[in-house]
Amino acid sequence: MTDAFLAGAGWSDATLTPLAGDASARRYSRVARAGGGAILMQDPDGDTALFARLARHLSGLGLSAPQILAEDHARGLLLIEDLGDGLFARLTAADPTQERQLYLAATDALLALHRHAPPALDVATPQRLAQMSDLGFDCYLVRATGSAAPQARDRCIAAFEEALATDAPDTDVMILRDFHAENLLWLPDRTGPARVGLLDFQDALQGHCAYDLASLLTDARRDVSPDTAAAAIHHYIRQRGLPDGPFRAALAVLGAQRNLRILGVFARLAGAGKPQYLTLMPRVWAHLQADLTHPALASVAAILNAVLPPPTPEILARLRASCPTQ
């Protein structure tokens, strides 16, 4: 199937090298031939037409999403531009002094994106985001303790919806949702916001402008220095001319929603044979606890603190034991 697709795109003489995947079922391969290269994306269960549409939208705004070179949506195949290997995560690990520059560039990319109306997308309403936090209970709590705590779950969803409706109600920009160091590439030969390559945006929604900044700065995979986080937040607020307090409240509420959901996602992935995500849980837990100290989340914190256990070594061992590969 892929051979025919590549041949039809004029890449029959190319060689394929598999690349590391992500938490989804998507698969990527680097496609190389004399005079150039590309990336083959295989996502038969996903929506490659949406990815292509959003890539073209982002490129049309002057941002660096991969160009679409060939597409077969019926088979879930895309041939896309190869933006290189300069992942933010890799560059900051090799040279931590680059972190501030890279994260301010990523913030500039968000600022550029948020100057434009979002394309047609599902809307991340307070009700929808609150409901999405259920994975923290249905997957993390249940697998960690064996208890579903349905009443606490329902009260937490209601409390989240109230907090989101109060402090993060706006849904006027495109949110990429997985905007973090493993999905951003440094492209120093380009200029302005285009220096930041965007890799993962097929789960995009129409939502609040603080969402992707929360994703960037409370990263499950790496610690962002407090100085860098403070600089990025200050830069975004100043450039947008936003009031400081309300924006920081939105950042905390959206961060807490996101991090509670990630705990559930990682527990679910462990049960699906991907235990490597369990090692990230303590960092996600720390992000969640920091978010919950904000006064805007007082009611959510009261519920979660009473029922949600931290990912101790014992709980991580229990979650690991549920993994079919162990």
C-alpha atoms as a PDB file:
ATOM      1  CA  MET A   1       0.000   0.000   0.000  1.00  0.00           C
ATOM      2  CA  THR A   2       2.734   2.481   0.928  1.00  0.00           C
ATOM      3  CA  ASP A   3       4.865   1.440  -2.052  1.00  0.00           C
ATOM      4  CA  ALA A   4       2.032   2.265  -4.450  1.00  0.00           C
ATOM      5  CA  PHE A   5       1.387   5.566  -2.681  1.00  0.00           C
ATOM      6  CA  LEU A   6       5.025   6.607  -2.849  1.00  0.00           C
ATOM      7  CA  ALA A   7       5.306   5.502  -6.474  1.00  0.00           C
ATOM      8  CA  GLY A   8       2.250   7.565  -7.365  1.00  0.00           C
ATOM      9  CA  ALA A   9       3.826  10.559  -5.662  1.00  0.00           C
ATOM     10  CA  GLY A  10       7.047  10.102  -7.647  1.00  0.00           C
ATOM     11  CA  TRP A  11       9.062   8.629  -4.765  1.00  0.00           C
ATOM     12  CA  SER A  12       9.364   5.014  -5.913  1.00  0.00           C
ATOM     13  CA  ASP A  13      13.156   5.099  -5.568  1.00  0.00           C
ATOM     14  CA  ALA A  14      13.109   6.294  -1.956  1.00  0.00           C
ATOM     15  CA  THR A  15      14.278   4.412   1.136  1.00  0.00           C
ATOM     16  CA  LEU A  16      12.269   4.420   4.368  1.00  0.00           C
ATOM     17  CA  THR A  17      13.616   4.679   7.918  1.00  0.00           C
ATOM     18  CA  PRO A  18      11.081   4.350  10.745  1.00  0.00           C
ATOM     19  CA  LEU A  19      10.981   7.200  13.254  1.00  0.00           C
ATOM     20  CA  ALA A  20      10.003   7.102  16.912  1.00  0.00           C
ATOM     21  CA  GLY A  21       6.261   7.452  17.315  1.00  0.00           C
ATOM     22  CA  ASP A  22       4.162   9.292  19.875  1.00  0.00           C
ATOM     23  CA  ALA A  23       1.347   8.296  22.219  1.00  0.00           C
ATOM     24  CA  SER A  24      -1.039   7.804  19.284  1.00  0.00           C
ATOM     25  CA  ALA A  25      -1.311   4.987  16.767  1.00  0.00           C
ATOM     26  CA  ARG A  26       0.274   7.119  14.050  1.00  0.00           C
ATOM     27  CA  ARG A  27       3.494   5.894  12.435  1.00  0.00           C
ATOM     28  CA  TYR A  28       6.194   7.993  10.808  1.00  0.00           C
ATOM     29  CA  SER A  29       9.060   7.154   8.467  1.00  0.00           C
ATOM     30  CA  ARG A  30      11.758   9.319   6.980  1.00  0.00           C
ATOM     31  CA  VAL A  31      11.696   8.977   3.208  1.00  0.00           C
ATOM     32  CA  ALA A  32      15.019   9.655   1.487  1.00  0.00           C
ATOM     33  CA  ARG A  33      16.103   9.806  -2.125  1.00  0.00           C
ATOM     34  CA  ALA A  34      18.761  11.553  -4.112  1.00  0.00           C
ATOM     35  CA  GLY A  35      18.217  15.269  -3.861  1.00  0.00           C
ATOM     36  CA  GLY A  36      15.810  15.380  -0.958  1.00  0.00           C
ATOM     37  CA  GLY A  37      13.679  13.804   1.716  1.00  0.00           C
ATOM     38  CA  ALA A  38      10.219  13.816   3.227  1.00  0.00           C
ATOM     39  CA  ILE A  39       8.193  12.216   6.007  1.00  0.00           C
ATOM     40  CA  LEU A  40       5.646   9.460   5.443  1.00  0.00           C
ATOM     41  CA  MET A  41       2.799   9.671   7.947  1.00  0.00           C
ATOM     42  CA  GLN A  42       0.532   6.640   8.322  1.00  0.00           C
ATOM     43  CA  ASP A  43      -2.659   7.179  10.298  1.00  0.00           C
ATOM     44  CA  PRO A  44      -5.339   4.830   8.948  1.00  0.00           C
ATOM     45  CA  ASP A  45      -7.588   5.330  11.976  1.00  0.00           C
ATOM     46  CA  GLY A  46      -7.153   9.102  12.126  1.00  0.00           C
ATOM     47  CA  ASP A  47      -8.266  12.067  10.062  1.00  0.00           C
ATOM     48  CA  THR A  48      -5.446  12.851   7.656  1.00  0.00           C
ATOM     49  CA  ALA A  49      -7.716  15.181   5.701  1.00  0.00           C
ATOM     50  CA  LEU A  50      -8.042  17.329   8.826  1.00  0.00           C
ATOM     51  CA  PHE A  51      -4.264  17.302   9.342  1.00  0.00           C
ATOM     52  CA  ALA A  52      -3.752  18.447   5.744  1.00  0.00           C
ATOM     53  CA  ARG A  53      -6.392  21.164   6.036  1.00  0.00           C
ATOM     54  CA  LEU A  54      -4.905  22.510   9.256  1.00  0.00           C
ATOM     55  CA  ALA A  55      -1.341  22.323   7.928  1.00  0.00           C
ATOM     56  CA  ARG A  56      -2.352  24.457   4.973  1.00  0.00           C
ATOM     57  CA  HIS A  57      -4.171  26.883   7.253  1.00  0.00           C
ATOM     58  CA  LEU A  58      -1.132  27.303   9.507  1.00  0.00           C
ATOM     59  CA  SER A  59       1.206  27.699   6.540  1.00  0.00           C
ATOM     60  CA  GLY A  60      -1.120  30.332   5.124  1.00  0.00           C
ATOM     61  CA  LEU A  61      -0.624  32.353   8.309  1.00  0.00           C
ATOM     62  CA  GLY A  62       3.141  32.337   7.818  1.00  0.00           C
ATOM     63  CA  LEU A  63       3.779  29.571  10.365  1.00  0.00           C
ATOM     64  CA  SER A  64       5.903  26.495   9.713  1.00  0.00           C
ATOM     65  CA  ALA A  65       3.596  23.519   9.460  1.00  0.00           C
ATOM     66  CA  PRO A  66       4.833  20.782   7.103  1.00  0.00           C
ATOM     67  CA  GLN A  67       3.919  21.239   3.465  1.00  0.00           C
ATOM     68  CA  ILE A  68       1.661  18.486   2.131  1.00  0.00           C
ATOM     69  CA  LEU A  69       3.457  16.754  -0.758  1.00  0.00           C
ATOM     70  CA  ALA A  70       1.015  13.918  -1.437  1.00  0.00           C
ATOM     71  CA  GLU A  71      -2.143  12.579   0.243  1.00  0.00           C
ATOM     72  CA  ASP A  72      -4.370   9.516   0.213  1.00  0.00           C
ATOM     73  CA  HIS A  73      -6.963  10.065   2.905  1.00  0.00           C
ATOM     74  CA  ALA A  74      -8.860   6.861   2.179  1.00  0.00           C
ATOM     75  CA  ARG A  75      -5.786   4.911   3.310  1.00  0.00           C
ATOM     76  CA  GLY A  76      -4.647   7.398   5.940  1.00  0.00           C
ATOM     77  CA  LEU A  77      -1.405   8.301   4.148  1.00  0.00           C
ATOM     78  CA  LEU A  78       0.385  11.613   3.867  1.00  0.00           C
ATOM     79  CA  LEU A  79       3.749  12.557   2.457  1.00  0.00           C
ATOM     80  CA  ILE A  80       4.811  15.741   4.200  1.00  0.00           C
ATOM     81  CA  GLU A  81       7.757  18.096   4.348  1.00  0.00           C
ATOM     82  CA  ASP A  82      10.675  16.990   6.509  1.00  0.00           C
ATOM     83  CA  LEU A  83      11.363  19.848   8.904  1.00  0.00           C
ATOM     84  CA  GLY A  84      14.503  18.220  10.291  1.00  0.00           C
ATOM     85  CA  ASP A  85      15.643  16.966  13.674  1.00  0.00           C
ATOM     86  CA  GLY A  86      15.923  20.168  15.686  1.00  0.00           C
ATOM     87  CA  LEU A  87      13.389  19.261  18.350  1.00  0.00           C
ATOM     88  CA  PHE A  88      13.225  21.742  21.197  1.00  0.00           C
ATOM     89  CA  ALA A  89      13.530  18.851  23.650  1.00  0.00           C
ATOM     90  CA  ARG A  90      16.730  17.614  22.025  1.00  0.00           C
ATOM     91  CA  LEU A  91      18.291  21.065  21.717  1.00  0.00           C
ATOM     92  CA  THR A  92      17.569  22.108  25.281  1.00  0.00           C
ATOM     93  CA  ALA A  93      18.900  18.806  26.609  1.00  0.00           C
ATOM     94  CA  ALA A  94      22.150  19.333  24.719  1.00  0.00           C
ATOM     95  CA  ASP A  95      22.448  23.014  25.643  1.00  0.00           C
ATOM     96  CA  PRO A  96      20.141  24.313  28.402  1.00  0.00           C
ATOM     97  CA  THR A  97      21.237  27.875  27.691  1.00  0.00           C
ATOM     98  CA  GLN A  98      19.099  27.763  24.522  1.00  0.00           C
ATOM     99  CA  GLU A  99      15.890  27.245  26.477  1.00  0.00           C
ATOM    100  CA  ARG A 100      14.849  30.872  26.945  1.00  0.00           C
ATOM    101  CA  GLN A 101      15.402  31.775  23.276  1.00  0.00           C
ATOM    102  CA  LEU A 102      13.484  28.736  22.047  1.00  0.00           C
ATOM    103  CA  TYR A 103      10.555  29.194  24.413  1.00  0.00           C
ATOM    104  CA  LEU A 104      10.204  32.866  23.618  1.00  0.00           C
ATOM    105  CA  ALA A 105      10.207  31.942  19.916  1.00  0.00           C
ATOM    106  CA  ALA A 106       7.459  29.392  20.604  1.00  0.00           C
ATOM    107  CA  THR A 107       5.517  32.099  22.435  1.00  0.00           C
ATOM    108  CA  ASP A 108       5.916  34.351  19.394  1.00  0.00           C
ATOM    109  CA  ALA A 109       4.472  31.560  17.236  1.00  0.00           C
ATOM    110  CA  LEU A 110       1.415  31.450  19.506  1.00  0.00           C
ATOM    111  CA  LEU A 111       1.100  35.222  19.346  1.00  0.00           C
ATOM    112  CA  ALA A 112       1.160  35.054  15.549  1.00  0.00           C
ATOM    113  CA  LEU A 113      -1.449  32.290  15.519  1.00  0.00           C
ATOM    114  CA  HIS A 114      -3.720  34.173  17.904  1.00  0.00           C
ATOM    115  CA  ARG A 115      -3.815  37.250  15.694  1.00  0.00           C
ATOM    116  CA  HIS A 116      -6.076  35.326  13.336  1.00  0.00           C
ATOM    117  CA  ALA A 117      -9.545  33.866  13.629  1.00  0.00           C
ATOM    118  CA  PRO A 118      -9.542  30.071  14.008  1.00  0.00           C
ATOM    119  CA  PRO A 119     -10.575  27.793  11.137  1.00  0.00           C
ATOM    120  CA  ALA A 120     -13.705  25.674  11.413  1.00  0.00           C
ATOM    121  CA  LEU A 121     -13.078  23.410  14.413  1.00  0.00           C
ATOM    122  CA  ASP A 122     -14.921  21.844  17.300  1.00  0.00           C
ATOM    123  CA  VAL A 123     -15.121  24.227  20.243  1.00  0.00           C
ATOM    124  CA  ALA A 124     -13.422  23.615  23.594  1.00  0.00           C
ATOM    125  CA  THR A 125     -16.259  24.999  25.698  1.00  0.00           C
ATOM    126  CA  PRO A 126     -15.980  24.981  29.497  1.00  0.00           C
ATOM    127  CA  GLN A 127     -18.446  22.098  29.553  1.00  0.00           C
ATOM    128  CA  ARG A 128     -16.427  20.068  27.067  1.00  0.00           C
ATOM    129  CA  LEU A 129     -13.087  20.653  28.774  1.00  0.00           C
ATOM    130  CA  ALA A 130     -14.556  19.874  32.181  1.00  0.00           C
ATOM    131  CA  GLN A 131     -15.972  16.592  30.924  1.00  0.00           C
ATOM    132  CA  MET A 132     -12.583  15.685  29.427  1.00  0.00           C
ATOM    133  CA  SER A 133     -11.084  15.706  32.927  1.00  0.00           C
ATOM    134  CA  ASP A 134     -13.018  12.497  33.676  1.00  0.00           C
ATOM    135  CA  LEU A 135     -10.007  10.408  32.630  1.00  0.00           C
ATOM    136  CA  GLY A 136      -8.262  11.449  35.831  1.00  0.00           C
ATOM    137  CA  PHE A 137     -10.913   9.483  37.678  1.00  0.00           C
ATOM    138  CA  ASP A 138     -11.951   6.800  35.183  1.00  0.00           C
ATOM    139  CA  CYS A 139      -8.413   5.703  34.317  1.00  0.00           C
ATOM    140  CA  TYR A 140      -5.914   7.030  36.875  1.00  0.00           C
ATOM    141  CA  LEU A 141      -7.952   6.783  40.081  1.00  0.00           C
ATOM    142  CA  VAL A 142      -9.638   3.493  39.188  1.00  0.00           C
ATOM    143  CA  ARG A 143      -6.400   1.768  38.168  1.00  0.00           C
ATOM    144  CA  ALA A 144      -4.425   3.245  41.062  1.00  0.00           C
ATOM    145  CA  THR A 145      -6.902   2.448  43.830  1.00  0.00           C
ATOM    146  CA  GLY A 146      -9.637   0.219  42.415  1.00  0.00           C
ATOM    147  CA  SER A 147     -12.220   2.861  43.377  1.00  0.00           C
ATOM    148  CA  ALA A 148     -14.201   4.911  40.882  1.00  0.00           C
ATOM    149  CA  ALA A 149     -15.422   7.587  43.373  1.00  0.00           C
ATOM    150  CA  PRO A 150     -18.317   8.495  41.027  1.00  0.00           C
ATOM    151  CA  GLN A 151     -19.745  11.207  43.282  1.00  0.00           C
ATOM    152  CA  ALA A 152     -16.392  12.965  43.604  1.00  0.00           C
ATOM    153  CA  ARG A 153     -15.901  12.597  39.852  1.00  0.00           C
ATOM    154  CA  ASP A 154     -19.195  14.306  39.078  1.00  0.00           C
ATOM    155  CA  ARG A 155     -18.577  17.071  41.628  1.00  0.00           C
ATOM    156  CA  CYS A 156     -15.107  17.659  40.190  1.00  0.00           C
ATOM    157  CA  ILE A 157     -16.425  17.954  36.642  1.00  0.00           C
ATOM    158  CA  ALA A 158     -19.045  20.441  37.828  1.00  0.00           C
ATOM    159  CA  ALA A 159     -16.433  22.436  39.761  1.00  0.00           C
ATOM    160  CA  PHE A 160     -14.114  22.478  36.747  1.00  0.00           C
ATOM    161  CA  GLU A 161     -16.917  23.676  34.500  1.00  0.00           C
ATOM    162  CA  GLU A 162     -17.646  26.546  36.885  1.00  0.00           C
ATOM    163  CA  ALA A 163     -13.958  27.504  37.128  1.00  0.00           C
ATOM    164  CA  LEU A 164     -13.497  27.360  33.369  1.00  0.00           C
ATOM    165  CA  ALA A 165     -16.673  29.345  32.724  1.00  0.00           C
ATOM    166  CA  THR A 166     -15.509  31.988  35.210  1.00  0.00           C
ATOM    167  CA  ASP A 167     -11.806  32.248  34.409  1.00  0.00           C
ATOM    168  CA  ALA A 168     -11.296  30.778  30.910  1.00  0.00           C
ATOM    169  CA  PRO A 169     -14.573  31.130  29.003  1.00  0.00           C
ATOM    170  CA  ASP A 170     -13.252  32.498  25.707  1.00  0.00           C
ATOM    171  CA  THR A 171     -12.940  30.222  22.688  1.00  0.00           C
ATOM    172  CA  ASP A 172     -11.694  32.622  20.029  1.00  0.00           C
ATOM    173  CA  VAL A 173      -8.368  31.127  18.877  1.00  0.00           C
ATOM    174  CA  MET A 174      -7.052  27.890  17.434  1.00  0.00           C
ATOM    175  CA  ILE A 175      -5.476  25.731  20.152  1.00  0.00           C
ATOM    176  CA  LEU A 176      -3.075  23.044  18.916  1.00  0.00           C
ATOM    177  CA  ARG A 177      -3.318  21.120  22.250  1.00  0.00           C
ATOM    178  CA  ASP A 178       0.013  19.243  22.034  1.00  0.00           C
ATOM    179  CA  PHE A 179       2.209  22.325  21.905  1.00  0.00           C
ATOM    180  CA  HIS A 180       5.358  21.220  23.737  1.00  0.00           C
ATOM    181  CA  ALA A 181       9.078  20.574  23.287  1.00  0.00           C
ATOM    182  CA  GLU A 182       8.678  17.151  21.642  1.00  0.00           C
ATOM    183  CA  ASN A 183       6.462  18.628  18.926  1.00  0.00           C
ATOM    184  CA  LEU A 184       8.353  21.846  18.151  1.00  0.00           C
ATOM    185  CA  LEU A 185      11.330  22.140  15.809  1.00  0.00           C
ATOM    186  CA  TRP A 186      13.867  24.943  15.623  1.00  0.00           C
ATOM    187  CA  LEU A 187      14.292  26.268  12.081  1.00  0.00           C
ATOM    188  CA  PRO A 188      16.947  28.988  12.468  1.00  0.00           C
ATOM    189  CA  ASP A 189      17.198  29.625   8.714  1.00  0.00           C
ATOM    190  CA  ARG A 190      13.646  30.980   8.709  1.00  0.00           C
ATOM    191  CA  THR A 191      12.516  34.283  10.184  1.00  0.00           C
ATOM    192  CA  GLY A 192      10.066  35.420  12.839  1.00  0.00           C
ATOM    193  CA  PRO A 193       7.415  32.977  14.038  1.00  0.00           C
ATOM    194  CA  ALA A 194       8.269  30.669  11.101  1.00  0.00           C
ATOM    195  CA  ARG A 195      11.435  29.651  12.975  1.00  0.00           C
ATOM    196  CA  VAL A 196       9.249  27.281  15.016  1.00  0.00           C
ATOM    197  CA  GLY A 197       8.211  24.123  13.186  1.00  0.00           C
ATOM    198  CA  LEU A 198       4.828  22.694  14.197  1.00  0.00           C
ATOM    199  CA  LEU A 199       4.385  18.930  14.127  1.00  0.00           C
ATOM    200  CA  ASP A 200       1.251  17.837  15.991  1.00  0.00           C
ATOM    201  CA  PHE A 201      -2.012  19.704  15.580  1.00  0.00           C
ATOM    202  CA  GLN A 202      -4.570  17.175  14.352  1.00  0.00           C
ATOM    203  CA  ASP A 203      -6.396  17.335  17.711  1.00  0.00           C
ATOM    204  CA  ALA A 204      -6.778  21.112  17.441  1.00  0.00           C
ATOM    205  CA  LEU A 205      -9.860  22.849  18.773  1.00  0.00           C
ATOM    206  CA  GLN A 206     -11.222  26.359  18.971  1.00  0.00           C
ATOM    207  CA  GLY A 207     -10.450  27.459  22.517  1.00  0.00           C
ATOM    208  CA  HIS A 208      -8.822  29.828  25.003  1.00  0.00           C
ATOM    209  CA  CYS A 209      -5.560  31.615  24.239  1.00  0.00           C
ATOM    210  CA  ALA A 210      -3.885  30.395  27.466  1.00  0.00           C
ATOM    211  CA  TYR A 211      -4.307  26.698  26.650  1.00  0.00           C
ATOM    212  CA  ASP A 212      -1.230  26.145  24.474  1.00  0.00           C
ATOM    213  CA  LEU A 213       0.970  28.257  26.735  1.00  0.00           C
ATOM    214  CA  ALA A 214      -0.044  25.956  29.606  1.00  0.00           C
ATOM    215  CA  SER A 215       0.830  22.990  27.387  1.00  0.00           C
ATOM    216  CA  LEU A 216       4.239  24.489  26.589  1.00  0.00           C
ATOM    217  CA  LEU A 217       5.241  25.453  30.130  1.00  0.00           C
ATOM    218  CA  THR A 218       3.799  22.536  32.138  1.00  0.00           C
ATOM    219  CA  ASP A 219       5.369  19.895  29.928  1.00  0.00           C
ATOM    220  CA  ALA A 220       4.965  16.270  30.967  1.00  0.00           C
ATOM    221  CA  ARG A 221       8.290  15.325  29.392  1.00  0.00           C
ATOM    222  CA  ARG A 222      10.711  17.966  30.641  1.00  0.00           C
ATOM    223  CA  ASP A 223      11.100  20.587  33.349  1.00  0.00           C
ATOM    224  CA  VAL A 224      10.927  24.151  32.086  1.00  0.00           C
ATOM    225  CA  SER A 225      12.994  26.500  34.224  1.00  0.00           C
ATOM    226  CA  PRO A 226      10.939  28.937  36.337  1.00  0.00           C
ATOM    227  CA  ASP A 227      12.774  31.888  34.770  1.00  0.00           C
ATOM    228  CA  THR A 228      11.912  30.736  31.246  1.00  0.00           C
ATOM    229  CA  ALA A 229       8.285  30.113  32.159  1.00  0.00           C
ATOM    230  CA  ALA A 230       7.989  33.530  33.787  1.00  0.00           C
ATOM    231  CA  ALA A 231       9.575  35.215  30.762  1.00  0.00           C
ATOM    232  CA  ALA A 232       7.240  33.464  28.322  1.00  0.00           C
ATOM    233  CA  ILE A 233       4.125  34.352  30.325  1.00  0.00           C
ATOM    234  CA  HIS A 234       5.221  37.978  30.740  1.00  0.00           C
ATOM    235  CA  HIS A 235       6.050  38.236  27.030  1.00  0.00           C
ATOM    236  CA  TYR A 236       2.663  36.858  25.981  1.00  0.00           C
ATOM    237  CA  ILE A 237       0.722  39.110  28.363  1.00  0.00           C
ATOM    238  CA  ARG A 238       2.675  42.215  27.338  1.00  0.00           C
ATOM    239  CA  GLN A 239       2.388  41.582  23.603  1.00  0.00           C
ATOM    240  CA  ARG A 240      -1.355  40.944  23.810  1.00  0.00           C
ATOM    241  CA  GLY A 241      -1.987  43.802  26.253  1.00  0.00           C
ATOM    242  CA  LEU A 242      -3.893  41.460  28.578  1.00  0.00           C
ATOM    243  CA  PRO A 243      -4.614  41.997  32.276  1.00  0.00           C
ATOM    244  CA  ASP A 244      -2.102  39.980  34.279  1.00  0.00           C
ATOM    245  CA  GLY A 245      -4.294  38.458  36.997  1.00  0.00           C
ATOM    246  CA  PRO A 246      -7.119  37.098  34.836  1.00  0.00           C
ATOM    247  CA  PHE A 247      -4.688  35.587  32.335  1.00  0.00           C
ATOM    248  CA  ARG A 248      -2.753  33.791  35.072  1.00  0.00           C
ATOM    249  CA  ALA A 249      -6.017  32.473  36.502  1.00  0.00           C
ATOM    250  CA  ALA A 250      -6.940  31.085  33.079  1.00  0.00           C
ATOM    251  CA  LEU A 251      -3.480  29.564  32.768  1.00  0.00           C
ATOM    252  CA  ALA A 252      -3.874  27.763  36.110  1.00  0.00           C
ATOM    253  CA  VAL A 253      -7.404  26.500  35.421  1.00  0.00           C
ATOM    254  CA  LEU A 254      -6.546  25.231  31.945  1.00  0.00           C
ATOM    255  CA  GLY A 255      -3.287  23.732  33.197  1.00  0.00           C
ATOM    256  CA  ALA A 256      -5.082  21.838  35.953  1.00  0.00           C
ATOM    257  CA  GLN A 257      -7.677  20.491  33.519  1.00  0.00           C
ATOM    258  CA  ARG A 258      -4.958  19.399  31.139  1.00  0.00           C
ATOM    259  CA  ASN A 259      -2.727  17.790  33.760  1.00  0.00           C
ATOM    260  CA  LEU A 260      -5.546  15.875  35.433  1.00  0.00           C
ATOM    261  CA  ARG A 261      -6.522  14.507  32.034  1.00  0.00           C
ATOM    262  CA  ILE A 262      -2.895  13.574  31.236  1.00  0.00           C
ATOM    263  CA  LEU A 263      -2.693  11.478  34.420  1.00  0.00           C
ATOM    264  CA  GLY A 264      -5.643   9.501  33.087  1.00  0.00           C
ATOM    265  CA  VAL A 265      -4.214   9.260  29.571  1.00  0.00           C
ATOM    266  CA  PHE A 266      -0.894   7.910  30.854  1.00  0.00           C
ATOM    267  CA  ALA A 267      -2.664   5.355  33.054  1.00  0.00           C
ATOM    268  CA  ARG A 268      -4.718   4.254  30.060  1.00  0.00           C
ATOM    269  CA  LEU A 269      -1.608   3.985  27.877  1.00  0.00           C
ATOM    270  CA  ALA A 270       0.076   1.807  30.509  1.00  0.00           C
ATOM    271  CA  GLY A 271      -2.911  -0.523  30.401  1.00  0.00           C
ATOM    272  CA  ALA A 272      -2.576  -0.623  26.608  1.00  0.00           C
ATOM    273  CA  GLY A 273       1.037  -1.828  26.748  1.00  0.00           C
ATOM    274  CA  LYS A 274       2.924   1.491  26.944  1.00  0.00           C
ATOM    275  CA  PRO A 275       4.308   1.636  30.501  1.00  0.00           C
ATOM    276  CA  GLN A 276       7.013   4.154  29.585  1.00  0.00           C
ATOM    277  CA  TYR A 277       4.579   6.992  30.232  1.00  0.00           C
ATOM    278  CA  LEU A 278       4.346   6.074  33.916  1.00  0.00           C
ATOM    279  CA  THR A 279       7.777   7.590  34.536  1.00  0.00           C
ATOM    280  CA  LEU A 280       6.328  10.982  33.568  1.00  0.00           C
ATOM    281  CA  MET A 281       3.498  10.879  36.094  1.00  0.00           C
ATOM    282  CA  PRO A 282       5.366  12.457  39.041  1.00  0.00           C
ATOM    283  CA  ARG A 283       6.112  15.536  36.941  1.00  0.00           C
ATOM    284  CA  VAL A 284       2.492  15.783  35.774  1.00  0.00           C
ATOM    285  CA  TRP A 285       1.358  15.410  39.384  1.00  0.00           C
ATOM    286  CA  ALA A 286       3.675  18.243  40.448  1.00  0.00           C
ATOM    287  CA  HIS A 287       2.249  20.480  37.716  1.00  0.00           C
ATOM    288  CA  LEU A 288      -1.290  19.647  38.841  1.00  0.00           C
ATOM    289  CA  GLN A 289      -0.494  20.419  42.471  1.00  0.00           C
ATOM    290  CA  ALA A 290       1.046  23.764  41.520  1.00  0.00           C
ATOM    291  CA  ASP A 291      -2.031  24.665  39.469  1.00  0.00           C
ATOM    292  CA  LEU A 292      -4.378  23.729  42.316  1.00  0.00           C
ATOM    293  CA  THR A 293      -2.825  26.324  44.628  1.00  0.00           C
ATOM    294  CA  HIS A 294      -4.448  29.104  42.595  1.00  0.00           C
ATOM    295  CA  PRO A 295      -7.559  30.546  44.305  1.00  0.00           C
ATOM    296  CA  ALA A 296      -9.575  30.037  41.114  1.00  0.00           C
ATOM    297  CA  LEU A 297      -9.307  26.287  41.711  1.00  0.00           C
ATOM    298  CA  ALA A 298     -10.179  26.178  45.415  1.00  0.00           C
ATOM    299  CA  SER A 299     -13.304  24.058  44.913  1.00  0.00           C
ATOM    300  CA  VAL A 300     -11.573  21.685  42.488  1.00  0.00           C
ATOM    301  CA  ALA A 301      -8.612  21.314  44.841  1.00  0.00           C
ATOM    302  CA  ALA A 302     -10.841  20.430  47.772  1.00  0.00           C
ATOM    303  CA  ILE A 303     -12.377  17.562  45.807  1.00  0.00           C
ATOM    304  CA  LEU A 304      -9.162  16.229  44.295  1.00  0.00           C
ATOM    305  CA  ASN A 305      -7.124  16.467  47.491  1.00  0.00           C
ATOM    306  CA  ALA A 306      -9.665  14.252  49.243  1.00  0.00           C
ATOM    307  CA  VAL A 307      -9.703  11.392  46.736  1.00  0.00           C
ATOM    308  CA  LEU A 308      -6.799  11.518  44.279  1.00  0.00           C
ATOM    309  CA  PRO A 309      -3.585   9.829  45.476  1.00  0.00           C
ATOM    310  CA  PRO A 310      -0.128  10.921  44.329  1.00  0.00           C
ATOM    311  CA  PRO A 311       1.750   8.580  41.956  1.00  0.00           C
ATOM    312  CA  THR A 312       3.888   6.999  44.659  1.00  0.00           C
ATOM    313  CA  PRO A 313       6.246   4.124  43.784  1.00  0.00           C
ATOM    314  CA  GLU A 314       3.596   1.720  45.067  1.00  0.00           C
ATOM    315  CA  ILE A 315       0.886   3.172  42.843  1.00  0.00           C
ATOM    316  CA  LEU A 316       3.195   3.295  39.836  1.00  0.00           C
ATOM    317  CA  ALA A 317       4.013  -0.379  40.441  1.00  0.00           C
ATOM    318  CA  ARG A 318       0.300  -1.156  40.530  1.00  0.00           C
ATOM    319  CA  LEU A 319      -0.259   0.703  37.265  1.00  0.00           C
ATOM    320  CA  ARG A 320       2.750  -1.054  35.712  1.00  0.00           C
ATOM    321  CA  ALA A 321       1.383  -4.435  36.748  1.00  0.00           C
ATOM    322  CA  SER A 322      -1.733  -3.730  34.677  1.00  0.00           C
ATOM    323  CA  CYS A 323       0.414  -3.441  31.567  1.00  0.00           C
ATOM    324  CA  PRO A 324       0.069  -6.530  29.329  1.00  0.00           C
ATOM    325  CA  THR A 325       3.738  -6.402  28.390  1.00  0.00           C
ATOM    326  CA  GLN A 326       4.908  -6.820  31.984  1.00  0.00           C
END
